[in-house]
Amino acid sequence: MPEASARPLVEVTVDVRFLRRDLTVRASVDMREHMRRERLGRAGKRLGGLDLLRRLASLPLGLSVAEPAWIREVTGGPSVLGPCLDLSRPGFVTRVVAPPADPLAIAVRASRWDSGLRAACVMAQYGPCSVVIRGKEGDIAWVAAQADFWGVGLISAAGNRDPEEIVRPAPHLPRRYSGASWLFAETVYGAAAPGINTMGGSQRRPSL
């Protein structure tokens, strides 16, 4: 997404649970943001809930703007907003925090195609999404046609075989972060952070 451009990135793959769904996510972590949070003692920690992240997403990154009314409504005040905003100029704020991760591929693990498709259609708003089917599907051609129609990828992982990509997911169009997509980025970052070092690397691996 646009806010991650021109920043040092490290690619990671982690298992996360989001919206009551078990996922494997490949993402690029913004190392500049990660190191900034390390200095603040907040590496791997979520900044806040959906409401706060939605409000932060409405502010431009790195630009001073007039202080919005909601600043005074945040529970915890400076202790909560300190890692997120520069409040040193009276009457103005500057957002200094950025979403820490950009999802590159999302895999929904499912035993059946119908339940996997429903979950993938929800998760596709956050990045390119595929369904990983562990069980057997009777008419794989029909399942593949459905996946292609909905823009969802299909990966077969039945039995002891290596996962096989049958249908590639549709591209995810870059856009501004919403509160919900920022919350997903925080969740992925929280799972990835323990395996990241500042030299740029991660030992985490997926469990498809």
N, C-alpha and C. Protein backbone atom coordinates (compact mmCIF):
# COMPACT_ATOMS: atom_id res chain seq x y z
N MET A 1 0.83 -1.20 0.00
CA MET A 1 0.00 0.00 0.00
C MET A 1 0.87 1.26 0.00
N PRO A 2 0.33 2.40 -0.39
CA PRO A 2 1.15 3.58 -0.61
C PRO A 2 2.03 3.99 0.55
N GLU A 3 1.56 3.86 1.80
CA GLU A 3 2.33 4.36 2.92
C GLU A 3 3.59 3.56 3.17
N ALA A 4 3.70 2.35 2.63
CA ALA A 4 4.88 1.51 2.84
C ALA A 4 5.95 1.73 1.78
N SER A 5 5.67 2.58 0.75
CA SER A 5 6.61 2.77 -0.33
C SER A 5 7.88 3.45 0.19
N ALA A 6 9.01 3.12 -0.47
CA ALA A 6 10.31 3.71 -0.16
C ALA A 6 10.75 3.44 1.27
N ARG A 7 10.24 2.41 1.90
CA ARG A 7 10.65 2.04 3.25
C ARG A 7 11.30 0.66 3.21
N PRO A 8 12.31 0.40 4.08
CA PRO A 8 12.93 -0.93 4.11
C PRO A 8 11.92 -1.98 4.57
N LEU A 9 11.80 -3.05 3.80
CA LEU A 9 10.79 -4.06 4.07
C LEU A 9 11.44 -5.42 4.27
N VAL A 10 10.82 -6.24 5.12
CA VAL A 10 11.22 -7.63 5.32
C VAL A 10 9.99 -8.51 5.13
N GLU A 11 10.13 -9.53 4.31
CA GLU A 11 8.99 -10.42 4.04
C GLU A 11 8.94 -11.53 5.09
N VAL A 12 7.75 -11.77 5.63
CA VAL A 12 7.54 -12.80 6.64
C VAL A 12 6.31 -13.63 6.27
N THR A 13 6.22 -14.81 6.83
CA THR A 13 5.03 -15.65 6.68
C THR A 13 4.67 -16.17 8.07
N VAL A 14 3.43 -15.89 8.51
CA VAL A 14 3.02 -16.23 9.87
C VAL A 14 1.59 -16.78 9.87
N ASP A 15 1.29 -17.53 10.91
CA ASP A 15 -0.08 -17.99 11.17
C ASP A 15 -0.74 -17.01 12.13
N VAL A 16 -1.95 -16.57 11.79
CA VAL A 16 -2.68 -15.66 12.67
C VAL A 16 -4.15 -16.10 12.73
N ARG A 17 -4.82 -15.62 13.76
CA ARG A 17 -6.27 -15.81 13.86
C ARG A 17 -6.91 -14.43 13.86
N PHE A 18 -7.82 -14.21 12.91
CA PHE A 18 -8.43 -12.89 12.74
C PHE A 18 -9.89 -13.10 12.32
N LEU A 19 -10.80 -12.38 12.98
CA LEU A 19 -12.24 -12.52 12.72
C LEU A 19 -12.67 -13.98 12.85
N ARG A 20 -12.10 -14.66 13.85
CA ARG A 20 -12.43 -16.07 14.15
C ARG A 20 -12.08 -17.01 12.99
N ARG A 21 -11.06 -16.64 12.22
CA ARG A 21 -10.62 -17.47 11.11
C ARG A 21 -9.13 -17.74 11.25
N ASP A 22 -8.73 -18.98 10.97
CA ASP A 22 -7.31 -19.36 11.02
C ASP A 22 -6.69 -19.10 9.65
N LEU A 23 -5.64 -18.31 9.63
CA LEU A 23 -5.04 -17.85 8.38
C LEU A 23 -3.53 -18.05 8.39
N THR A 24 -2.97 -18.21 7.20
CA THR A 24 -1.54 -18.09 6.99
C THR A 24 -1.33 -16.87 6.11
N VAL A 25 -0.51 -15.94 6.56
CA VAL A 25 -0.36 -14.66 5.86
C VAL A 25 1.11 -14.43 5.51
N ARG A 26 1.34 -14.12 4.25
CA ARG A 26 2.66 -13.65 3.81
C ARG A 26 2.56 -12.14 3.71
N ALA A 27 3.48 -11.44 4.35
CA ALA A 27 3.39 -9.98 4.41
C ALA A 27 4.77 -9.36 4.41
N SER A 28 4.82 -8.09 4.03
CA SER A 28 6.06 -7.32 4.16
C SER A 28 5.93 -6.43 5.39
N VAL A 29 6.91 -6.51 6.28
CA VAL A 29 6.92 -5.71 7.50
C VAL A 29 7.79 -4.47 7.26
N ASP A 30 7.25 -3.33 7.64
CA ASP A 30 7.97 -2.06 7.52
C ASP A 30 9.01 -1.99 8.63
N MET A 31 10.30 -2.18 8.27
CA MET A 31 11.33 -2.25 9.29
C MET A 31 11.58 -0.91 9.97
N ARG A 32 11.34 0.18 9.25
CA ARG A 32 11.49 1.49 9.88
C ARG A 32 10.48 1.66 11.01
N GLU A 33 9.25 1.23 10.75
CA GLU A 33 8.21 1.31 11.79
C GLU A 33 8.51 0.32 12.91
N HIS A 34 8.99 -0.87 12.56
CA HIS A 34 9.33 -1.87 13.57
C HIS A 34 10.41 -1.35 14.52
N MET A 35 11.46 -0.75 13.95
CA MET A 35 12.56 -0.25 14.79
C MET A 35 12.11 0.95 15.62
N ARG A 36 11.22 1.77 15.07
CA ARG A 36 10.68 2.89 15.85
C ARG A 36 9.92 2.37 17.06
N ARG A 37 9.14 1.31 16.86
CA ARG A 37 8.39 0.74 17.98
C ARG A 37 9.31 0.04 18.97
N GLU A 38 10.40 -0.57 18.47
CA GLU A 38 11.38 -1.16 19.38
C GLU A 38 11.94 -0.11 20.33
N ARG A 39 12.27 1.06 19.79
CA ARG A 39 12.82 2.13 20.63
C ARG A 39 11.83 2.59 21.69
N LEU A 40 10.54 2.48 21.39
CA LEU A 40 9.50 2.89 22.34
C LEU A 40 9.09 1.75 23.27
N GLY A 41 9.70 0.56 23.09
CA GLY A 41 9.32 -0.60 23.89
C GLY A 41 7.96 -1.17 23.51
N ARG A 42 7.55 -0.96 22.26
CA ARG A 42 6.23 -1.41 21.82
C ARG A 42 6.31 -2.34 20.61
N ALA A 43 7.43 -3.00 20.41
CA ALA A 43 7.57 -3.92 19.29
C ALA A 43 6.58 -5.07 19.43
N GLY A 44 5.83 -5.33 18.39
CA GLY A 44 4.87 -6.43 18.38
C GLY A 44 3.59 -6.16 19.12
N LYS A 45 3.43 -4.94 19.66
CA LYS A 45 2.22 -4.63 20.43
C LYS A 45 1.25 -3.81 19.57
N ARG A 46 -0.02 -4.19 19.65
CA ARG A 46 -1.06 -3.47 18.91
C ARG A 46 -1.23 -2.07 19.50
N LEU A 47 -1.36 -1.08 18.63
CA LEU A 47 -1.46 0.30 19.10
C LEU A 47 -2.80 0.62 19.72
N GLY A 48 -3.84 0.00 19.25
CA GLY A 48 -5.16 0.31 19.78
C GLY A 48 -6.22 -0.50 19.06
N GLY A 49 -7.47 -0.21 19.40
CA GLY A 49 -8.58 -0.91 18.79
C GLY A 49 -9.00 -0.29 17.47
N LEU A 50 -10.08 -0.84 16.93
CA LEU A 50 -10.55 -0.43 15.61
C LEU A 50 -10.88 1.05 15.55
N ASP A 51 -11.51 1.58 16.60
CA ASP A 51 -11.94 2.98 16.58
C ASP A 51 -10.74 3.92 16.48
N LEU A 52 -9.70 3.68 17.31
CA LEU A 52 -8.52 4.53 17.27
C LEU A 52 -7.80 4.41 15.93
N LEU A 53 -7.66 3.19 15.41
CA LEU A 53 -6.95 3.00 14.15
C LEU A 53 -7.70 3.65 12.99
N ARG A 54 -9.03 3.61 13.04
CA ARG A 54 -9.83 4.28 12.01
C ARG A 54 -9.56 5.78 12.02
N ARG A 55 -9.45 6.35 13.21
CA ARG A 55 -9.19 7.78 13.31
C ARG A 55 -7.77 8.13 12.87
N LEU A 56 -6.80 7.29 13.25
CA LEU A 56 -5.43 7.53 12.81
C LEU A 56 -5.32 7.45 11.28
N ALA A 57 -6.05 6.51 10.68
CA ALA A 57 -6.00 6.35 9.23
C ALA A 57 -6.54 7.57 8.50
N SER A 58 -7.35 8.37 9.18
CA SER A 58 -7.90 9.56 8.55
C SER A 58 -6.90 10.72 8.50
N LEU A 59 -5.77 10.58 9.21
CA LEU A 59 -4.76 11.64 9.25
C LEU A 59 -3.63 11.33 8.27
N PRO A 60 -3.08 12.35 7.59
CA PRO A 60 -1.94 12.10 6.69
C PRO A 60 -0.68 11.77 7.49
N LEU A 61 0.16 10.93 6.92
CA LEU A 61 1.41 10.55 7.58
C LEU A 61 2.45 11.64 7.40
N GLY A 62 3.01 12.14 8.52
CA GLY A 62 4.13 13.06 8.47
C GLY A 62 3.77 14.51 8.17
N LEU A 63 2.49 14.84 8.08
CA LEU A 63 2.07 16.21 7.81
C LEU A 63 1.34 16.79 9.01
N SER A 64 1.67 18.03 9.37
CA SER A 64 1.02 18.69 10.50
C SER A 64 -0.34 19.22 10.07
N VAL A 65 -1.39 18.85 10.84
CA VAL A 65 -2.75 19.30 10.53
C VAL A 65 -3.39 19.83 11.81
N ALA A 66 -4.46 20.59 11.66
CA ALA A 66 -5.17 21.12 12.82
C ALA A 66 -5.66 19.97 13.69
N GLU A 67 -5.53 20.13 14.99
CA GLU A 67 -5.91 19.07 15.93
C GLU A 67 -7.40 18.75 15.82
N PRO A 68 -7.74 17.51 15.48
CA PRO A 68 -9.16 17.14 15.39
C PRO A 68 -9.80 17.04 16.77
N ALA A 69 -11.12 17.22 16.81
CA ALA A 69 -11.84 17.22 18.10
C ALA A 69 -11.71 15.90 18.83
N TRP A 70 -11.57 14.79 18.09
CA TRP A 70 -11.57 13.48 18.74
C TRP A 70 -10.34 13.25 19.62
N ILE A 71 -9.28 14.04 19.43
CA ILE A 71 -8.06 13.88 20.24
C ILE A 71 -8.39 13.95 21.73
N ARG A 72 -9.29 14.84 22.09
CA ARG A 72 -9.63 15.04 23.51
C ARG A 72 -10.53 13.92 24.04
N GLU A 73 -11.07 13.11 23.15
CA GLU A 73 -12.00 12.06 23.55
C GLU A 73 -11.33 10.72 23.79
N VAL A 74 -10.06 10.59 23.42
CA VAL A 74 -9.35 9.32 23.53
C VAL A 74 -9.06 9.00 24.98
N THR A 75 -9.52 7.83 25.42
CA THR A 75 -9.25 7.40 26.79
C THR A 75 -7.76 7.13 26.97
N GLY A 76 -7.16 7.74 27.99
CA GLY A 76 -5.73 7.56 28.23
C GLY A 76 -4.90 8.72 27.73
N GLY A 77 -5.47 9.53 26.83
CA GLY A 77 -4.82 10.75 26.35
C GLY A 77 -3.41 10.53 25.84
N PRO A 78 -2.44 11.34 26.31
CA PRO A 78 -1.07 11.29 25.79
C PRO A 78 -0.40 9.92 25.90
N SER A 79 -0.72 9.14 26.94
CA SER A 79 -0.08 7.84 27.08
C SER A 79 -0.46 6.90 25.94
N VAL A 80 -1.66 7.06 25.39
CA VAL A 80 -2.11 6.25 24.26
C VAL A 80 -1.66 6.84 22.94
N LEU A 81 -1.76 8.17 22.83
CA LEU A 81 -1.47 8.84 21.57
C LEU A 81 0.01 9.12 21.37
N GLY A 82 0.80 9.09 22.43
CA GLY A 82 2.22 9.41 22.33
C GLY A 82 2.97 8.63 21.27
N PRO A 83 2.79 7.29 21.17
CA PRO A 83 3.50 6.54 20.14
C PRO A 83 2.97 6.79 18.73
N CYS A 84 1.83 7.47 18.62
CA CYS A 84 1.14 7.60 17.34
C CYS A 84 1.24 8.99 16.73
N LEU A 85 1.25 10.03 17.58
CA LEU A 85 1.14 11.40 17.10
C LEU A 85 2.21 12.29 17.74
N ASP A 86 2.66 13.27 16.99
CA ASP A 86 3.49 14.33 17.53
C ASP A 86 2.56 15.46 17.96
N LEU A 87 2.47 15.69 19.27
CA LEU A 87 1.56 16.69 19.82
C LEU A 87 2.31 17.92 20.34
N SER A 88 3.57 18.09 19.89
CA SER A 88 4.42 19.15 20.47
C SER A 88 4.00 20.55 20.05
N ARG A 89 3.29 20.68 18.95
CA ARG A 89 2.88 22.01 18.48
C ARG A 89 1.44 22.26 18.90
N PRO A 90 1.18 23.22 19.76
CA PRO A 90 -0.19 23.46 20.26
C PRO A 90 -1.18 23.69 19.12
N GLY A 91 -2.31 22.94 19.19
CA GLY A 91 -3.36 23.10 18.20
C GLY A 91 -3.16 22.30 16.94
N PHE A 92 -2.04 21.57 16.84
CA PHE A 92 -1.75 20.79 15.64
C PHE A 92 -1.28 19.38 16.03
N VAL A 93 -1.46 18.45 15.12
CA VAL A 93 -0.97 17.09 15.34
C VAL A 93 -0.29 16.60 14.06
N THR A 94 0.68 15.70 14.23
CA THR A 94 1.33 15.05 13.09
C THR A 94 1.34 13.56 13.35
N ARG A 95 0.77 12.78 12.43
CA ARG A 95 0.80 11.33 12.61
C ARG A 95 2.20 10.82 12.27
N VAL A 96 2.81 10.12 13.22
CA VAL A 96 4.15 9.57 13.03
C VAL A 96 4.15 8.05 12.91
N VAL A 97 3.03 7.43 13.21
CA VAL A 97 2.92 5.98 13.16
C VAL A 97 2.39 5.56 11.79
N ALA A 98 2.86 4.39 11.32
CA ALA A 98 2.40 3.84 10.05
C ALA A 98 1.94 2.40 10.27
N PRO A 99 1.02 1.91 9.44
CA PRO A 99 0.68 0.49 9.52
C PRO A 99 1.95 -0.35 9.38
N PRO A 100 2.16 -1.32 10.26
CA PRO A 100 3.46 -2.00 10.31
C PRO A 100 3.65 -3.12 9.30
N ALA A 101 2.59 -3.56 8.65
CA ALA A 101 2.72 -4.69 7.73
C ALA A 101 1.77 -4.52 6.55
N ASP A 102 2.19 -5.03 5.41
CA ASP A 102 1.37 -4.99 4.20
C ASP A 102 1.14 -6.42 3.73
N PRO A 103 -0.08 -6.95 3.86
CA PRO A 103 -0.34 -8.33 3.45
C PRO A 103 -0.13 -8.52 1.95
N LEU A 104 0.64 -9.54 1.59
CA LEU A 104 0.92 -9.87 0.19
C LEU A 104 0.09 -11.05 -0.28
N ALA A 105 -0.21 -11.98 0.62
CA ALA A 105 -1.01 -13.15 0.29
C ALA A 105 -1.63 -13.71 1.56
N ILE A 106 -2.91 -14.07 1.48
CA ILE A 106 -3.64 -14.60 2.63
C ILE A 106 -4.18 -15.96 2.25
N ALA A 107 -3.95 -16.95 3.09
CA ALA A 107 -4.46 -18.30 2.85
C ALA A 107 -5.42 -18.67 3.97
N VAL A 108 -6.65 -19.02 3.60
CA VAL A 108 -7.67 -19.47 4.54
C VAL A 108 -7.66 -20.99 4.56
N ARG A 109 -7.43 -21.58 5.71
CA ARG A 109 -7.41 -23.04 5.81
C ARG A 109 -8.82 -23.55 6.08
N ALA A 110 -9.26 -24.51 5.29
CA ALA A 110 -10.63 -25.01 5.41
C ALA A 110 -10.68 -26.48 5.04
N SER A 111 -11.63 -27.20 5.65
CA SER A 111 -11.81 -28.61 5.32
C SER A 111 -12.77 -28.78 4.14
N ARG A 112 -13.62 -27.75 3.91
CA ARG A 112 -14.57 -27.81 2.80
C ARG A 112 -14.54 -26.50 2.01
N TRP A 113 -14.81 -26.62 0.72
CA TRP A 113 -14.73 -25.46 -0.16
C TRP A 113 -15.77 -24.41 0.18
N ASP A 114 -17.01 -24.79 0.47
CA ASP A 114 -18.06 -23.80 0.67
C ASP A 114 -17.75 -22.89 1.86
N SER A 115 -17.30 -23.48 2.99
CA SER A 115 -16.95 -22.66 4.15
C SER A 115 -15.69 -21.84 3.89
N GLY A 116 -14.74 -22.41 3.16
CA GLY A 116 -13.53 -21.68 2.82
C GLY A 116 -13.80 -20.49 1.92
N LEU A 117 -14.73 -20.66 0.97
CA LEU A 117 -15.07 -19.58 0.05
C LEU A 117 -15.71 -18.41 0.80
N ARG A 118 -16.61 -18.71 1.74
CA ARG A 118 -17.23 -17.64 2.51
C ARG A 118 -16.19 -16.83 3.28
N ALA A 119 -15.25 -17.54 3.91
CA ALA A 119 -14.21 -16.85 4.68
C ALA A 119 -13.29 -16.05 3.75
N ALA A 120 -12.95 -16.62 2.60
CA ALA A 120 -12.03 -15.95 1.68
C ALA A 120 -12.65 -14.68 1.10
N CYS A 121 -13.94 -14.68 0.85
CA CYS A 121 -14.60 -13.49 0.32
C CYS A 121 -14.54 -12.34 1.34
N VAL A 122 -14.56 -12.68 2.63
CA VAL A 122 -14.42 -11.65 3.67
C VAL A 122 -12.98 -11.16 3.73
N MET A 123 -12.03 -12.09 3.72
CA MET A 123 -10.63 -11.73 3.91
C MET A 123 -10.02 -11.08 2.67
N ALA A 124 -10.65 -11.23 1.51
CA ALA A 124 -10.09 -10.67 0.27
C ALA A 124 -10.02 -9.15 0.30
N GLN A 125 -10.74 -8.52 1.23
CA GLN A 125 -10.65 -7.05 1.32
C GLN A 125 -9.31 -6.60 1.88
N TYR A 126 -8.54 -7.54 2.47
CA TYR A 126 -7.26 -7.19 3.09
C TYR A 126 -6.06 -7.54 2.21
N GLY A 127 -6.24 -8.35 1.19
CA GLY A 127 -5.14 -8.75 0.33
C GLY A 127 -5.55 -9.91 -0.55
N PRO A 128 -4.70 -10.33 -1.51
CA PRO A 128 -5.01 -11.49 -2.35
C PRO A 128 -5.24 -12.72 -1.47
N CYS A 129 -6.35 -13.38 -1.66
CA CYS A 129 -6.75 -14.45 -0.73
C CYS A 129 -7.00 -15.76 -1.46
N SER A 130 -6.52 -16.86 -0.88
CA SER A 130 -6.72 -18.20 -1.41
C SER A 130 -7.32 -19.10 -0.34
N VAL A 131 -8.01 -20.14 -0.78
CA VAL A 131 -8.54 -21.16 0.12
C VAL A 131 -7.64 -22.40 0.01
N VAL A 132 -7.18 -22.88 1.16
CA VAL A 132 -6.38 -24.10 1.20
C VAL A 132 -7.29 -25.23 1.63
N ILE A 133 -7.56 -26.17 0.71
CA ILE A 133 -8.48 -27.27 0.97
C ILE A 133 -7.69 -28.50 1.39
N ARG A 134 -7.98 -28.99 2.59
CA ARG A 134 -7.31 -30.20 3.07
C ARG A 134 -8.07 -31.46 2.70
N GLY A 135 -9.40 -31.36 2.62
CA GLY A 135 -10.22 -32.52 2.27
C GLY A 135 -10.31 -32.72 0.77
N LYS A 136 -11.07 -33.72 0.35
CA LYS A 136 -11.25 -34.00 -1.07
C LYS A 136 -12.53 -33.34 -1.56
N GLU A 137 -12.46 -32.77 -2.75
CA GLU A 137 -13.63 -32.17 -3.38
C GLU A 137 -14.01 -33.02 -4.58
N GLY A 138 -15.31 -33.34 -4.69
CA GLY A 138 -15.77 -34.23 -5.75
C GLY A 138 -15.52 -33.71 -7.16
N ASP A 139 -15.93 -32.47 -7.43
CA ASP A 139 -15.80 -31.89 -8.76
C ASP A 139 -14.84 -30.72 -8.69
N ILE A 140 -13.55 -31.00 -8.82
CA ILE A 140 -12.55 -29.95 -8.66
C ILE A 140 -12.66 -28.91 -9.76
N ALA A 141 -13.14 -29.30 -10.96
CA ALA A 141 -13.29 -28.34 -12.05
C ALA A 141 -14.35 -27.29 -11.70
N TRP A 142 -15.45 -27.73 -11.07
CA TRP A 142 -16.50 -26.80 -10.67
C TRP A 142 -16.01 -25.88 -9.55
N VAL A 143 -15.28 -26.44 -8.61
CA VAL A 143 -14.71 -25.63 -7.53
C VAL A 143 -13.75 -24.59 -8.10
N ALA A 144 -12.90 -25.01 -9.04
CA ALA A 144 -11.95 -24.08 -9.65
C ALA A 144 -12.68 -22.97 -10.40
N ALA A 145 -13.78 -23.31 -11.07
CA ALA A 145 -14.55 -22.30 -11.79
C ALA A 145 -15.16 -21.29 -10.82
N GLN A 146 -15.65 -21.76 -9.68
CA GLN A 146 -16.18 -20.85 -8.67
C GLN A 146 -15.09 -19.93 -8.12
N ALA A 147 -13.93 -20.51 -7.85
CA ALA A 147 -12.82 -19.70 -7.33
C ALA A 147 -12.45 -18.61 -8.31
N ASP A 148 -12.37 -18.95 -9.59
CA ASP A 148 -12.01 -17.98 -10.61
C ASP A 148 -13.06 -16.88 -10.72
N PHE A 149 -14.34 -17.25 -10.60
CA PHE A 149 -15.44 -16.29 -10.69
C PHE A 149 -15.36 -15.26 -9.56
N TRP A 150 -15.08 -15.73 -8.35
CA TRP A 150 -15.06 -14.85 -7.19
C TRP A 150 -13.70 -14.17 -6.98
N GLY A 151 -12.71 -14.49 -7.80
CA GLY A 151 -11.39 -13.88 -7.64
C GLY A 151 -10.61 -14.43 -6.47
N VAL A 152 -10.96 -15.64 -6.05
CA VAL A 152 -10.32 -16.29 -4.90
C VAL A 152 -9.38 -17.39 -5.40
N GLY A 153 -8.21 -17.50 -4.80
CA GLY A 153 -7.29 -18.55 -5.18
C GLY A 153 -7.71 -19.89 -4.60
N LEU A 154 -7.21 -20.97 -5.17
CA LEU A 154 -7.52 -22.32 -4.69
C LEU A 154 -6.22 -23.11 -4.60
N ILE A 155 -5.95 -23.65 -3.41
CA ILE A 155 -4.76 -24.47 -3.17
C ILE A 155 -5.20 -25.81 -2.61
N SER A 156 -4.78 -26.89 -3.23
CA SER A 156 -5.11 -28.24 -2.75
C SER A 156 -3.97 -28.75 -1.88
N ALA A 157 -4.32 -29.19 -0.66
CA ALA A 157 -3.32 -29.74 0.26
C ALA A 157 -3.83 -31.05 0.85
N ALA A 158 -4.53 -31.83 0.03
CA ALA A 158 -5.11 -33.09 0.51
C ALA A 158 -4.02 -34.14 0.70
N GLY A 159 -4.22 -35.00 1.69
CA GLY A 159 -3.29 -36.09 1.95
C GLY A 159 -1.91 -35.60 2.33
N ASN A 160 -0.89 -36.33 1.90
CA ASN A 160 0.49 -35.99 2.24
C ASN A 160 1.20 -35.26 1.11
N ARG A 161 0.45 -34.87 0.09
CA ARG A 161 1.07 -34.19 -1.04
C ARG A 161 1.44 -32.76 -0.68
N ASP A 162 2.42 -32.21 -1.41
CA ASP A 162 2.76 -30.80 -1.25
C ASP A 162 1.59 -29.95 -1.75
N PRO A 163 1.36 -28.80 -1.12
CA PRO A 163 0.28 -27.93 -1.58
C PRO A 163 0.43 -27.57 -3.06
N GLU A 164 -0.68 -27.62 -3.79
CA GLU A 164 -0.68 -27.33 -5.22
C GLU A 164 -1.65 -26.18 -5.51
N GLU A 165 -1.14 -25.12 -6.12
CA GLU A 165 -1.99 -23.99 -6.47
C GLU A 165 -2.72 -24.30 -7.76
N ILE A 166 -4.05 -24.37 -7.68
CA ILE A 166 -4.88 -24.68 -8.84
C ILE A 166 -5.39 -23.41 -9.51
N VAL A 167 -5.76 -22.43 -8.70
CA VAL A 167 -6.22 -21.14 -9.21
C VAL A 167 -5.51 -20.03 -8.46
N ARG A 168 -4.98 -19.05 -9.20
CA ARG A 168 -4.33 -17.90 -8.56
C ARG A 168 -5.39 -16.87 -8.15
N PRO A 169 -5.20 -16.22 -7.01
CA PRO A 169 -6.17 -15.19 -6.59
C PRO A 169 -6.07 -13.95 -7.46
N ALA A 170 -7.17 -13.21 -7.52
CA ALA A 170 -7.16 -11.96 -8.26
C ALA A 170 -6.25 -10.96 -7.55
N PRO A 171 -5.63 -10.04 -8.29
CA PRO A 171 -4.78 -9.02 -7.65
C PRO A 171 -5.58 -8.17 -6.69
N HIS A 172 -4.89 -7.69 -5.65
CA HIS A 172 -5.52 -6.79 -4.69
C HIS A 172 -5.12 -5.38 -5.04
N LEU A 173 -6.09 -4.50 -5.32
CA LEU A 173 -5.78 -3.14 -5.74
C LEU A 173 -5.34 -2.31 -4.54
N PRO A 174 -4.18 -1.66 -4.61
CA PRO A 174 -3.73 -0.82 -3.48
C PRO A 174 -4.71 0.31 -3.22
N ARG A 175 -4.86 0.65 -1.95
CA ARG A 175 -5.72 1.77 -1.55
C ARG A 175 -5.26 2.24 -0.19
N ARG A 176 -5.87 3.32 0.28
CA ARG A 176 -5.54 3.80 1.62
C ARG A 176 -5.96 2.78 2.66
N TYR A 177 -5.22 2.74 3.76
CA TYR A 177 -5.61 1.88 4.86
C TYR A 177 -6.91 2.38 5.49
N SER A 178 -7.82 1.46 5.75
CA SER A 178 -8.98 1.75 6.58
C SER A 178 -8.65 1.33 8.00
N GLY A 179 -9.53 1.63 8.94
CA GLY A 179 -9.30 1.16 10.30
C GLY A 179 -9.22 -0.35 10.38
N ALA A 180 -10.11 -1.04 9.61
CA ALA A 180 -10.13 -2.50 9.65
C ALA A 180 -8.87 -3.10 9.04
N SER A 181 -8.41 -2.55 7.91
CA SER A 181 -7.20 -3.11 7.29
C SER A 181 -5.96 -2.81 8.14
N TRP A 182 -5.96 -1.68 8.84
CA TRP A 182 -4.85 -1.36 9.74
C TRP A 182 -4.87 -2.33 10.92
N LEU A 183 -6.05 -2.66 11.43
CA LEU A 183 -6.15 -3.63 12.53
C LEU A 183 -5.61 -4.98 12.10
N PHE A 184 -5.90 -5.39 10.87
CA PHE A 184 -5.36 -6.66 10.35
C PHE A 184 -3.84 -6.58 10.26
N ALA A 185 -3.32 -5.44 9.79
CA ALA A 185 -1.87 -5.26 9.71
C ALA A 185 -1.23 -5.36 11.08
N GLU A 186 -1.87 -4.78 12.11
CA GLU A 186 -1.35 -4.86 13.47
C GLU A 186 -1.34 -6.31 13.97
N THR A 187 -2.38 -7.07 13.61
CA THR A 187 -2.48 -8.47 14.03
C THR A 187 -1.36 -9.30 13.39
N VAL A 188 -1.13 -9.10 12.10
CA VAL A 188 -0.06 -9.82 11.40
C VAL A 188 1.30 -9.43 11.99
N TYR A 189 1.50 -8.14 12.22
CA TYR A 189 2.76 -7.67 12.78
C TYR A 189 3.00 -8.26 14.17
N GLY A 190 1.96 -8.34 14.99
CA GLY A 190 2.10 -8.91 16.32
C GLY A 190 2.57 -10.35 16.29
N ALA A 191 2.11 -11.09 15.27
CA ALA A 191 2.54 -12.49 15.13
C ALA A 191 3.96 -12.58 14.58
N ALA A 192 4.34 -11.63 13.74
CA ALA A 192 5.65 -11.70 13.08
C ALA A 192 6.78 -11.13 13.92
N ALA A 193 6.49 -10.14 14.76
CA ALA A 193 7.54 -9.39 15.46
C ALA A 193 8.51 -10.25 16.26
N PRO A 194 8.05 -11.29 16.99
CA PRO A 194 9.03 -12.07 17.78
C PRO A 194 10.11 -12.73 16.93
N GLY A 195 9.84 -12.97 15.65
CA GLY A 195 10.83 -13.63 14.80
C GLY A 195 11.63 -12.69 13.95
N ILE A 196 11.41 -11.38 14.09
CA ILE A 196 12.11 -10.40 13.27
C ILE A 196 13.31 -9.86 14.05
N ASN A 197 14.42 -9.69 13.35
CA ASN A 197 15.55 -8.99 13.94
C ASN A 197 15.85 -7.77 13.09
N THR A 198 16.54 -6.81 13.65
CA THR A 198 16.77 -5.55 12.95
C THR A 198 17.74 -5.67 11.80
N MET A 199 18.37 -6.85 11.64
CA MET A 199 19.22 -7.06 10.49
C MET A 199 18.39 -7.44 9.27
N GLY A 200 17.07 -7.73 9.50
CA GLY A 200 16.19 -8.00 8.38
C GLY A 200 16.04 -9.47 8.10
N GLY A 201 15.18 -10.12 8.86
CA GLY A 201 14.94 -11.53 8.60
C GLY A 201 13.91 -12.08 9.54
N SER A 202 13.32 -13.20 9.16
CA SER A 202 12.34 -13.85 10.01
C SER A 202 12.48 -15.34 9.88
N GLN A 203 12.38 -16.04 11.01
CA GLN A 203 12.48 -17.49 11.01
C GLN A 203 11.13 -18.16 10.99
N ARG A 204 10.03 -17.34 11.01
CA ARG A 204 8.70 -17.92 11.06
C ARG A 204 8.35 -18.57 9.73
N ARG A 205 7.68 -19.69 9.76
CA ARG A 205 7.26 -20.38 8.55
C ARG A 205 5.78 -20.76 8.68
N PRO A 206 5.09 -20.88 7.53
CA PRO A 206 3.65 -21.17 7.59
C PRO A 206 3.36 -22.62 7.91
N SER A 207 2.12 -22.88 8.27
CA SER A 207 1.68 -24.27 8.49
C SER A 207 0.40 -24.46 7.69
N LEU A 208 0.53 -24.60 6.39
CA LEU A 208 -0.65 -24.77 5.53
C LEU A 208 -1.35 -26.08 5.82
